[in-house]
Amino acid sequence: MSDEQKQFANLDECVEHWRTHWNVPGISVGILNGGDVDTRGYGIASMDTQHPVTADTLFQIGSISKVYTTTLVMILVDQGKLDLDEPVTTYLPSLKLKDENALKVITLRHLVTHTSGVFGDFFDDFGMGDDALARYVEAMSELRQTYQPGELWSYTNSGFNLAGYIVEKALDKPFEDAMRELLIEPAGFEHTFQFAVEAITYPLAVGHVHPDPEDEDTLEIARRYPLPRTSHAAGGIISTVGDLLKFAQLHMNNGAVDGKQVLSEAGVKAMQQPQVKAAGLADEWGLGWMIFEVDGTKAIGHGGTTNGFQAALRIVPERNFAISILTNGDRGHAAEKPILDWALQHHLGLAPKERQEVMLEPHQLERLVGKYAQKMADVIISSGEGSLKMDYFARSALADSDEPKKMPTAELMPVGELDFIVTNGPSAGSLVDFIDTDSGDIRFIRVGGRFADRVTE
């Protein structure tokens, strides 16, 4: 832990330091420690209105929604309506995917562990009608099969939207109705919504973005607020830090809320068991949950990013501790990380361990240099002094413009032959790794959990 982190005497000092350091307009934080709940707000909900963020301000929680979707799937497993290990074609016999062999073997378990191999960042909008998700799934027939099911791990939004459609078919009702009736209402999440029209009458934050990611000082409001309905299962929930802590309590209390069993104890435990080694975003992946080891102690959680919002939830089940952080800036994750680290150290005495640099030979670095590409980004890797540099050109399907934005050049420190840590800028601490073939050729780079192919000139 850095000296800068150690100086903070309390949560307010810590949050305000990192909020202003990373130019995040507003942050809401909730901490559950034993039986004590503390929720607070900092900064502003909107640059336009200047309304303050409070503990009751609603934010988009982004991909933390995936754990809600997995919880819903597990409720249906409890009811005998779904089986994690049945091929998805059991529930969707007319489903078509580009790779017919993959189609035969992909299961719900593959979907909720990001191991299906189907291209993940598919955000096409099919309107707000109840048929939107069905039309989305039909269009998935054109998506690339990046690798065979279970072969590798990569972050896959489309897989969770497919899981949401399986829920729809199993219950013969829209996904959002199923989520509300089986999870949100029984668990008492009174400030958790799935549509902007539901949230609009409550205190609400709006997202903010840097129009030029290399200009740290200039922010603007992200005017496109709602996600496509087709992405609700992957990232559509709008909530407060207090309701996120209630969700954490559900998973720390063996699936029960106020004496009501929402999810079975077996379902809760299954979700927290490691399923696959992950890269970049967590140490391992459970069913829906990211799984971490912090100073020898198991933690679970998830993060979330939408247009101008970034969020984090971290739970230490054996210590009955959880922290939720919601932000309305596109550098929210950069602020969240040191806040999470401070809270775990301050409340639990748990300090994250930093990975150590590994010295690589020039030829080991040179084999990684080049251009990589996928639908959502172009990546250029160049060599430095015993390290690599990464120029990342991102395209966002959730923003109004599809023009690629150049992120600040990242310095990559080797921590393994194919594993690197970003050492500067808003992504500092994140993992970038490379996947090679049996013959030693570089097949992919993985950034933010997503694969990009090596481009041969």
Protein backbone atom coordinates (compact mmCIF):
# COMPACT_ATOMS: atom_id res chain seq x y z
CA MET A 1 0.00 0.00 0.00
CA SER A 2 1.38 3.39 -0.98
CA ASP A 3 2.16 6.17 1.49
CA GLU A 4 -0.50 8.27 -0.23
CA GLN A 5 -3.17 5.72 0.66
CA LYS A 6 -2.01 5.30 4.25
CA GLN A 7 -2.43 8.97 5.09
CA PHE A 8 -6.24 8.91 5.00
CA ALA A 9 -7.77 8.99 8.47
CA ASN A 10 -11.31 8.24 7.34
CA LEU A 11 -13.49 7.34 4.37
CA ASP A 12 -14.40 10.94 3.54
CA GLU A 13 -10.76 11.95 3.13
CA CYS A 14 -10.02 8.90 0.99
CA VAL A 15 -13.00 9.26 -1.35
CA GLU A 16 -12.65 13.01 -1.84
CA HIS A 17 -8.95 12.69 -2.61
CA TRP A 18 -9.43 10.07 -5.32
CA ARG A 19 -12.63 11.63 -6.67
CA THR A 20 -10.88 14.93 -7.34
CA HIS A 21 -7.62 13.27 -8.42
CA TRP A 22 -9.40 11.38 -11.21
CA ASN A 23 -11.93 14.15 -12.01
CA VAL A 24 -14.99 12.04 -11.17
CA PRO A 25 -18.05 14.30 -10.67
CA GLY A 26 -19.84 12.13 -8.12
CA ILE A 27 -19.34 9.01 -6.02
CA SER A 28 -21.62 7.14 -3.66
CA VAL A 29 -20.15 4.60 -1.23
CA GLY A 30 -21.78 2.01 1.00
CA ILE A 31 -19.99 -0.15 3.57
CA LEU A 32 -21.45 -3.14 5.41
CA ASN A 33 -19.21 -4.20 8.30
CA GLY A 34 -20.73 -6.86 10.52
CA GLY A 35 -24.16 -5.48 11.29
CA ASP A 36 -23.28 -1.85 10.65
CA VAL A 37 -24.28 -0.12 7.40
CA ASP A 38 -22.77 3.21 6.36
CA THR A 39 -23.86 4.88 3.09
CA ARG A 40 -22.64 8.27 1.84
CA GLY A 41 -22.50 10.53 -1.19
CA TYR A 42 -19.81 12.84 -2.55
CA GLY A 43 -19.69 15.39 -5.33
CA ILE A 44 -22.43 16.12 -7.85
CA ALA A 45 -24.98 14.02 -9.73
CA SER A 46 -24.80 16.19 -12.87
CA MET A 47 -22.55 18.94 -14.19
CA ASP A 48 -25.70 20.67 -15.44
CA THR A 49 -27.82 20.67 -12.28
CA GLN A 50 -25.01 20.59 -9.68
CA HIS A 51 -27.31 18.53 -7.45
CA PRO A 52 -25.31 16.73 -4.75
CA VAL A 53 -24.84 12.98 -4.74
CA THR A 54 -26.37 11.36 -1.65
CA ALA A 55 -26.62 7.79 -0.43
CA ASP A 56 -30.02 7.64 -2.17
CA THR A 57 -28.81 8.75 -5.62
CA LEU A 58 -29.45 6.21 -8.37
CA PHE A 59 -26.59 5.14 -10.65
CA GLN A 60 -26.29 2.63 -13.45
CA ILE A 61 -24.44 -0.37 -11.97
CA GLY A 62 -23.46 -1.81 -15.36
CA SER A 63 -22.13 -5.35 -15.37
CA ILE A 64 -22.72 -5.92 -11.67
CA SER A 65 -26.14 -6.73 -13.17
CA LYS A 66 -24.59 -9.97 -14.44
CA VAL A 67 -24.48 -11.32 -10.88
CA TYR A 68 -28.19 -10.46 -10.50
CA THR A 69 -28.88 -12.33 -13.75
CA THR A 70 -26.88 -15.33 -12.54
CA THR A 71 -28.77 -15.23 -9.23
CA LEU A 72 -32.02 -15.30 -11.21
CA VAL A 73 -30.75 -18.25 -13.25
CA MET A 74 -29.85 -20.08 -10.04
CA ILE A 75 -33.33 -19.43 -8.62
CA LEU A 76 -34.70 -21.22 -11.69
CA VAL A 77 -32.18 -24.02 -11.14
CA ASP A 78 -33.60 -24.33 -7.61
CA GLN A 79 -37.07 -24.59 -9.13
CA GLY A 80 -35.98 -27.29 -11.56
CA LYS A 81 -36.74 -25.11 -14.58
CA LEU A 82 -33.11 -24.81 -15.72
CA ASP A 83 -29.96 -26.93 -15.57
CA LEU A 84 -26.54 -25.31 -15.86
CA ASP A 85 -25.07 -28.24 -17.75
CA GLU A 86 -27.77 -28.85 -20.35
CA PRO A 87 -26.96 -27.53 -23.83
CA VAL A 88 -28.68 -24.21 -24.41
CA THR A 89 -30.49 -25.79 -27.34
CA THR A 90 -32.51 -27.75 -24.76
CA TYR A 91 -34.28 -24.48 -23.98
CA LEU A 92 -33.84 -22.81 -27.38
CA PRO A 93 -34.19 -25.56 -29.99
CA SER A 94 -34.36 -23.02 -32.84
CA LEU A 95 -31.20 -21.17 -31.76
CA LYS A 96 -28.66 -20.66 -34.52
CA LEU A 97 -25.00 -19.75 -34.08
CA LYS A 98 -22.28 -19.42 -36.69
CA ASP A 99 -20.39 -22.46 -35.38
CA GLU A 100 -22.74 -25.46 -35.37
CA ASN A 101 -20.34 -27.61 -33.35
CA ALA A 102 -20.13 -24.96 -30.62
CA LEU A 103 -23.92 -24.62 -30.65
CA LYS A 104 -24.29 -28.28 -29.74
CA VAL A 105 -22.18 -28.03 -26.59
CA ILE A 106 -22.64 -24.50 -25.17
CA THR A 107 -24.37 -24.64 -21.79
CA LEU A 108 -25.71 -22.08 -19.32
CA ARG A 109 -22.56 -22.71 -17.28
CA HIS A 110 -20.49 -21.52 -20.25
CA LEU A 111 -22.66 -18.41 -20.51
CA VAL A 112 -22.40 -17.31 -16.87
CA THR A 113 -18.65 -18.02 -16.69
CA HIS A 114 -17.67 -16.23 -19.94
CA THR A 115 -16.38 -19.41 -21.58
CA SER A 116 -18.81 -19.89 -24.50
CA GLY A 117 -16.36 -18.46 -27.05
CA VAL A 118 -19.08 -16.44 -28.80
CA PHE A 119 -18.04 -12.86 -29.65
CA GLY A 120 -18.92 -10.87 -26.55
CA ASP A 121 -19.37 -7.17 -27.26
CA PHE A 122 -22.55 -7.27 -29.31
CA PHE A 123 -24.77 -4.32 -28.31
CA ASP A 124 -27.13 -3.90 -31.27
CA ASP A 125 -30.39 -2.18 -30.33
CA PHE A 126 -33.63 -3.92 -31.32
CA GLY A 127 -35.99 -1.42 -29.73
CA MET A 128 -37.92 -1.38 -26.47
CA GLY A 129 -40.58 -3.93 -27.33
CA ASP A 130 -41.00 -7.25 -25.56
CA ASP A 131 -39.59 -8.94 -28.67
CA ALA A 132 -36.25 -7.08 -28.46
CA LEU A 133 -34.28 -9.87 -26.81
CA ALA A 134 -35.67 -12.52 -29.18
CA ARG A 135 -34.57 -10.42 -32.16
CA TYR A 136 -31.15 -9.90 -30.59
CA VAL A 137 -30.67 -13.64 -30.10
CA GLU A 138 -31.72 -14.26 -33.70
CA ALA A 139 -29.00 -11.82 -34.82
CA MET A 140 -26.41 -13.71 -32.76
CA SER A 141 -26.32 -16.23 -35.61
CA GLU A 142 -23.85 -13.89 -37.34
CA LEU A 143 -21.43 -13.56 -34.41
CA ARG A 144 -17.96 -15.01 -34.66
CA GLN A 145 -17.00 -18.06 -32.61
CA THR A 146 -13.70 -16.76 -31.21
CA TYR A 147 -12.69 -20.08 -29.61
CA GLN A 148 -14.36 -23.37 -28.76
CA PRO A 149 -16.59 -23.54 -25.65
CA GLY A 150 -14.54 -24.07 -22.50
CA GLU A 151 -11.21 -23.68 -24.32
CA LEU A 152 -10.38 -20.19 -23.05
CA TRP A 153 -11.89 -17.36 -21.01
CA SER A 154 -12.96 -13.96 -22.31
CA TYR A 155 -15.51 -11.44 -21.12
CA THR A 156 -18.75 -12.07 -22.99
CA ASN A 157 -21.69 -9.66 -22.69
CA SER A 158 -23.64 -11.46 -25.41
CA GLY A 159 -23.56 -14.68 -23.40
CA PHE A 160 -25.43 -13.04 -20.53
CA ASN A 161 -28.03 -11.59 -22.87
CA LEU A 162 -28.51 -15.10 -24.26
CA ALA A 163 -28.92 -16.37 -20.69
CA GLY A 164 -31.54 -13.65 -20.18
CA TYR A 165 -33.46 -14.93 -23.20
CA ILE A 166 -33.34 -18.47 -21.82
CA VAL A 167 -34.97 -17.09 -18.66
CA GLU A 168 -37.66 -15.49 -20.82
CA LYS A 169 -38.42 -18.76 -22.58
CA ALA A 170 -38.36 -20.81 -19.38
CA LEU A 171 -40.97 -18.56 -17.75
CA ASP A 172 -42.80 -17.29 -20.84
CA LYS A 173 -42.48 -13.69 -19.70
CA PRO A 174 -40.14 -10.75 -20.36
CA PHE A 175 -36.76 -10.95 -18.65
CA GLU A 176 -37.38 -7.77 -16.64
CA ASP A 177 -40.65 -9.16 -15.24
CA ALA A 178 -38.85 -12.32 -14.17
CA MET A 179 -36.08 -10.32 -12.49
CA ARG A 180 -38.57 -8.12 -10.66
CA GLU A 181 -40.89 -10.93 -9.54
CA LEU A 182 -38.28 -13.51 -8.50
CA LEU A 183 -35.44 -11.37 -7.16
CA ILE A 184 -35.94 -7.61 -6.85
CA GLU A 185 -39.30 -7.66 -5.05
CA PRO A 186 -38.80 -10.75 -2.84
CA ALA A 187 -35.40 -9.43 -1.70
CA GLY A 188 -36.82 -5.99 -0.90
CA PHE A 189 -34.64 -3.97 -3.29
CA GLU A 190 -36.87 -0.90 -3.18
CA HIS A 191 -34.55 1.36 -5.16
CA THR A 192 -33.52 -1.02 -7.93
CA PHE A 193 -34.87 -0.53 -11.46
CA GLN A 194 -34.37 -1.85 -14.98
CA PHE A 195 -35.79 0.96 -17.11
CA ALA A 196 -34.90 4.65 -17.18
CA VAL A 197 -38.60 5.53 -17.08
CA GLU A 198 -38.85 3.79 -13.70
CA ALA A 199 -35.86 5.64 -12.26
CA ILE A 200 -36.49 9.13 -13.58
CA THR A 201 -38.61 10.39 -10.66
CA TYR A 202 -35.92 9.50 -8.09
CA PRO A 203 -32.64 11.32 -7.32
CA LEU A 204 -30.60 10.29 -10.34
CA ALA A 205 -26.99 10.66 -11.45
CA VAL A 206 -26.07 11.08 -15.10
CA GLY A 207 -22.90 9.76 -16.69
CA HIS A 208 -19.91 11.90 -17.61
CA VAL A 209 -17.13 11.21 -20.12
CA HIS A 210 -13.87 12.72 -21.29
CA PRO A 211 -14.54 13.60 -24.97
CA ASP A 212 -10.77 13.43 -25.47
CA PRO A 213 -9.39 10.67 -23.21
CA GLU A 214 -5.94 12.29 -23.35
CA ASP A 215 -7.35 15.56 -21.95
CA GLU A 216 -7.76 14.85 -18.24
CA ASP A 217 -9.56 18.10 -17.39
CA THR A 218 -12.46 18.31 -19.88
CA LEU A 219 -15.68 16.47 -19.06
CA GLU A 220 -19.09 16.42 -20.68
CA ILE A 221 -22.37 14.70 -19.89
CA ALA A 222 -22.95 11.39 -21.65
CA ARG A 223 -26.28 12.27 -23.23
CA ARG A 224 -27.24 8.74 -24.21
CA TYR A 225 -28.57 7.40 -20.92
CA PRO A 226 -30.55 4.18 -21.43
CA LEU A 227 -28.89 0.96 -22.48
CA PRO A 228 -30.54 -1.00 -25.27
CA ARG A 229 -33.18 -3.25 -23.75
CA THR A 230 -31.32 -6.18 -25.30
CA SER A 231 -28.45 -5.55 -22.85
CA HIS A 232 -30.49 -5.51 -19.65
CA ALA A 233 -29.38 -9.00 -18.62
CA ALA A 234 -25.74 -8.03 -19.10
CA GLY A 235 -25.82 -4.57 -17.58
CA GLY A 236 -29.19 -2.85 -17.26
CA ILE A 237 -29.80 -2.36 -13.53
CA ILE A 238 -30.07 1.10 -11.96
CA SER A 239 -29.66 1.17 -8.19
CA THR A 240 -28.22 2.72 -5.03
CA VAL A 241 -25.28 1.72 -2.85
CA GLY A 242 -27.75 0.73 -0.13
CA ASP A 243 -29.61 -1.71 -2.36
CA LEU A 244 -26.27 -3.11 -3.58
CA LEU A 245 -25.39 -3.85 0.05
CA LYS A 246 -28.76 -5.61 0.45
CA PHE A 247 -27.81 -7.75 -2.55
CA ALA A 248 -24.47 -8.47 -0.88
CA GLN A 249 -26.28 -9.43 2.33
CA LEU A 250 -28.42 -11.90 0.38
CA HIS A 251 -25.26 -13.65 -0.77
CA MET A 252 -23.63 -13.51 2.68
CA ASN A 253 -26.76 -14.78 4.42
CA ASN A 254 -27.09 -18.06 2.48
CA GLY A 255 -29.73 -16.62 0.16
CA ALA A 256 -32.18 -15.47 2.84
CA VAL A 257 -33.64 -12.00 3.39
CA ASP A 258 -35.69 -11.27 6.52
CA GLY A 259 -36.33 -14.98 7.02
CA LYS A 260 -37.40 -15.47 3.37
CA GLN A 261 -35.31 -17.88 1.27
CA VAL A 262 -34.87 -16.12 -2.09
CA LEU A 263 -32.05 -18.39 -3.32
CA SER A 264 -31.08 -21.73 -1.81
CA GLU A 265 -27.97 -22.02 0.33
CA ALA A 266 -26.63 -24.53 -2.20
CA GLY A 267 -27.16 -21.99 -4.99
CA VAL A 268 -25.30 -19.28 -3.07
CA LYS A 269 -22.35 -21.59 -2.41
CA ALA A 270 -22.24 -22.83 -5.99
CA MET A 271 -22.01 -19.27 -7.30
CA GLN A 272 -18.94 -18.60 -5.14
CA GLN A 273 -17.01 -21.70 -6.21
CA PRO A 274 -14.22 -21.11 -8.75
CA GLN A 275 -15.13 -22.35 -12.22
CA VAL A 276 -12.30 -21.04 -14.39
CA LYS A 277 -9.08 -19.07 -14.13
CA ALA A 278 -9.77 -15.53 -15.28
CA ALA A 279 -7.37 -12.93 -16.64
CA GLY A 280 -7.23 -9.21 -16.08
CA LEU A 281 -10.48 -8.68 -14.20
CA ALA A 282 -10.17 -11.25 -11.39
CA ASP A 283 -8.13 -14.22 -10.23
CA GLU A 284 -10.89 -16.72 -10.98
CA TRP A 285 -14.52 -16.70 -12.07
CA GLY A 286 -17.39 -18.34 -10.26
CA LEU A 287 -20.98 -18.48 -11.47
CA GLY A 288 -21.43 -14.78 -12.20
CA TRP A 289 -19.00 -13.69 -9.48
CA MET A 290 -15.44 -12.51 -9.87
CA ILE A 291 -13.27 -14.24 -7.26
CA PHE A 292 -10.19 -12.63 -5.72
CA GLU A 293 -7.63 -13.48 -3.12
CA VAL A 294 -6.76 -10.50 -0.93
CA ASP A 295 -3.95 -11.07 1.54
CA GLY A 296 -4.82 -14.75 1.80
CA THR A 297 -8.58 -14.11 2.22
CA LYS A 298 -11.26 -14.91 -0.37
CA ALA A 299 -13.29 -12.03 -1.76
CA ILE A 300 -15.99 -11.96 -4.42
CA GLY A 301 -17.37 -9.08 -6.41
CA HIS A 302 -17.95 -7.51 -9.78
CA GLY A 303 -17.44 -4.24 -11.62
CA GLY A 304 -19.55 -2.35 -14.08
CA THR A 305 -19.15 0.19 -16.89
CA THR A 306 -21.79 1.88 -19.02
CA ASN A 307 -21.82 5.23 -20.83
CA GLY A 308 -20.23 7.54 -18.26
CA PHE A 309 -20.81 5.29 -15.24
CA GLN A 310 -18.41 2.92 -13.48
CA ALA A 311 -19.17 0.80 -10.43
CA ALA A 312 -17.72 -1.79 -8.08
CA LEU A 313 -19.00 -4.27 -5.51
CA ARG A 314 -16.62 -6.24 -3.29
CA ILE A 315 -17.62 -8.77 -0.62
CA VAL A 316 -15.51 -10.64 1.93
CA PRO A 317 -18.00 -13.33 3.00
CA GLU A 318 -16.00 -14.82 5.90
CA ARG A 319 -15.68 -11.36 7.48
CA ASN A 320 -19.30 -10.30 6.80
CA PHE A 321 -17.98 -7.25 4.97
CA ALA A 322 -19.06 -5.58 1.73
CA ILE A 323 -18.37 -2.28 0.00
CA SER A 324 -20.29 -0.81 -2.93
CA ILE A 325 -19.00 2.13 -4.96
CA LEU A 326 -21.01 3.89 -7.67
CA THR A 327 -19.55 6.66 -9.82
CA ASN A 328 -20.76 8.87 -12.64
CA GLY A 329 -17.47 9.33 -14.49
CA ASP A 330 -15.57 7.34 -17.09
CA ARG A 331 -12.55 7.25 -14.77
CA GLY A 332 -14.55 5.92 -11.87
CA HIS A 333 -12.63 2.65 -11.81
CA ALA A 334 -9.37 4.54 -11.32
CA ALA A 335 -10.87 6.13 -8.18
CA GLU A 336 -12.58 2.94 -7.01
CA LYS A 337 -9.45 0.80 -6.83
CA PRO A 338 -7.59 2.81 -4.15
CA ILE A 339 -10.85 3.33 -2.25
CA LEU A 340 -11.43 -0.44 -2.21
CA ASP A 341 -7.83 -1.04 -1.15
CA TRP A 342 -8.09 1.54 1.65
CA ALA A 343 -11.37 0.13 2.95
CA LEU A 344 -10.10 -3.45 3.04
CA GLN A 345 -6.95 -2.34 4.86
CA HIS A 346 -8.72 0.05 7.23
CA HIS A 347 -11.59 -2.23 8.24
CA LEU A 348 -10.13 -5.72 7.83
CA GLY A 349 -6.36 -5.28 7.82
CA LEU A 350 -6.15 -6.84 4.34
CA ALA A 351 -3.53 -5.40 2.02
CA PRO A 352 -3.38 -6.27 -1.69
CA LYS A 353 -0.13 -7.76 -2.89
CA GLU A 354 1.56 -6.18 -5.89
CA ARG A 355 2.90 -8.44 -8.63
CA GLN A 356 6.63 -8.28 -9.12
CA GLU A 357 8.39 -7.33 -12.33
CA VAL A 358 9.94 -10.12 -14.38
CA MET A 359 12.96 -9.37 -16.57
CA LEU A 360 12.41 -10.47 -20.18
CA GLU A 361 14.92 -10.73 -22.98
CA PRO A 362 14.50 -8.36 -25.97
CA HIS A 363 13.42 -11.23 -28.25
CA GLN A 364 10.69 -12.20 -25.77
CA LEU A 365 9.26 -8.70 -25.99
CA GLU A 366 9.69 -8.32 -29.75
CA ARG A 367 7.53 -11.36 -30.49
CA LEU A 368 4.60 -9.48 -28.92
CA VAL A 369 5.07 -6.22 -30.82
CA GLY A 370 2.51 -5.45 -33.52
CA LYS A 371 -1.10 -4.57 -34.24
CA TYR A 372 -4.14 -6.36 -32.84
CA ALA A 373 -7.77 -5.74 -33.70
CA GLN A 374 -11.35 -6.61 -32.84
CA LYS A 375 -14.71 -4.99 -33.46
CA MET A 376 -14.53 -2.67 -30.46
CA ALA A 377 -10.85 -1.70 -30.48
CA ASP A 378 -7.51 -1.51 -32.26
CA VAL A 379 -4.40 -2.14 -30.17
CA ILE A 380 -0.82 -1.28 -31.11
CA ILE A 381 2.00 -2.78 -29.05
CA SER A 382 5.48 -1.31 -29.28
CA SER A 383 8.66 -2.02 -27.36
CA GLY A 384 10.12 0.07 -24.56
CA GLU A 385 13.13 -0.28 -22.26
CA GLY A 386 12.62 -3.81 -20.95
CA SER A 387 8.87 -3.34 -21.25
CA LEU A 388 6.08 -2.68 -23.75
CA LYS A 389 3.88 0.28 -24.62
CA MET A 390 0.24 -0.01 -25.61
CA ASP A 391 -1.79 2.42 -27.70
CA TYR A 392 -5.47 1.53 -27.43
CA PHE A 393 -8.11 2.92 -29.79
CA ALA A 394 -11.56 2.20 -28.32
CA ARG A 395 -14.98 2.22 -29.94
CA SER A 396 -18.04 2.28 -27.70
CA ALA A 397 -21.34 0.83 -28.88
CA LEU A 398 -23.03 2.57 -25.94
CA ALA A 399 -21.97 6.11 -26.92
CA ASP A 400 -23.45 8.42 -29.56
CA SER A 401 -20.33 8.31 -31.74
CA ASP A 402 -18.60 5.23 -33.10
CA GLU A 403 -15.39 7.15 -33.79
CA PRO A 404 -12.45 5.41 -32.10
CA LYS A 405 -10.95 7.26 -29.14
CA LYS A 406 -7.25 6.98 -28.41
CA MET A 407 -6.63 6.17 -24.78
CA PRO A 408 -3.51 7.52 -23.04
CA THR A 409 -0.47 5.42 -23.97
CA ALA A 410 -0.07 2.66 -21.38
CA GLU A 411 3.25 1.43 -20.02
CA LEU A 412 3.24 -2.36 -19.64
CA MET A 413 5.50 -3.96 -17.03
CA PRO A 414 6.18 -7.68 -17.51
CA VAL A 415 5.07 -9.91 -14.62
CA GLY A 416 5.38 -13.11 -16.68
CA GLU A 417 6.45 -14.12 -20.15
CA LEU A 418 3.01 -13.28 -21.56
CA ASP A 419 1.53 -11.26 -18.67
CA PHE A 420 1.90 -7.50 -18.18
CA ILE A 421 0.62 -4.92 -15.71
CA VAL A 422 -0.34 -1.37 -16.73
CA THR A 423 1.76 0.97 -14.59
CA ASN A 424 0.39 4.41 -15.49
CA GLY A 425 -2.80 6.33 -16.12
CA PRO A 426 -6.40 5.47 -15.26
CA SER A 427 -5.92 1.76 -16.05
CA ALA A 428 -2.90 1.35 -13.74
CA GLY A 429 -2.90 -2.06 -12.08
CA SER A 430 -4.90 -3.83 -14.78
CA LEU A 431 -3.58 -6.92 -16.53
CA VAL A 432 -2.84 -7.25 -20.24
CA ASP A 433 -1.87 -10.71 -21.44
CA PHE A 434 -1.13 -12.57 -24.65
CA ILE A 435 -2.34 -16.00 -25.79
CA ASP A 436 -0.04 -18.10 -27.95
CA THR A 437 -0.51 -21.28 -29.93
CA ASP A 438 1.21 -24.61 -29.37
CA SER A 439 3.75 -23.58 -32.02
CA GLY A 440 4.54 -20.34 -30.18
CA ASP A 441 2.75 -17.93 -32.49
CA ILE A 442 0.84 -15.12 -30.79
CA ARG A 443 -2.89 -15.66 -31.30
CA PHE A 444 -4.54 -12.91 -29.21
CA ILE A 445 -3.93 -10.01 -26.91
CA ARG A 446 -6.42 -9.78 -24.03
CA VAL A 447 -7.24 -6.28 -22.75
CA GLY A 448 -10.05 -5.70 -20.27
CA GLY A 449 -10.85 -9.39 -20.55
CA ARG A 450 -11.48 -9.12 -24.32
CA PHE A 451 -9.50 -10.80 -27.06
CA ALA A 452 -8.13 -8.97 -30.09
CA ASP A 453 -6.54 -10.89 -32.97
CA ARG A 454 -2.97 -10.45 -34.12
CA VAL A 455 -3.03 -8.56 -37.43
CA THR A 456 -0.56 -9.78 -40.01
CA GLU A 457 0.52 -7.19 -42.53
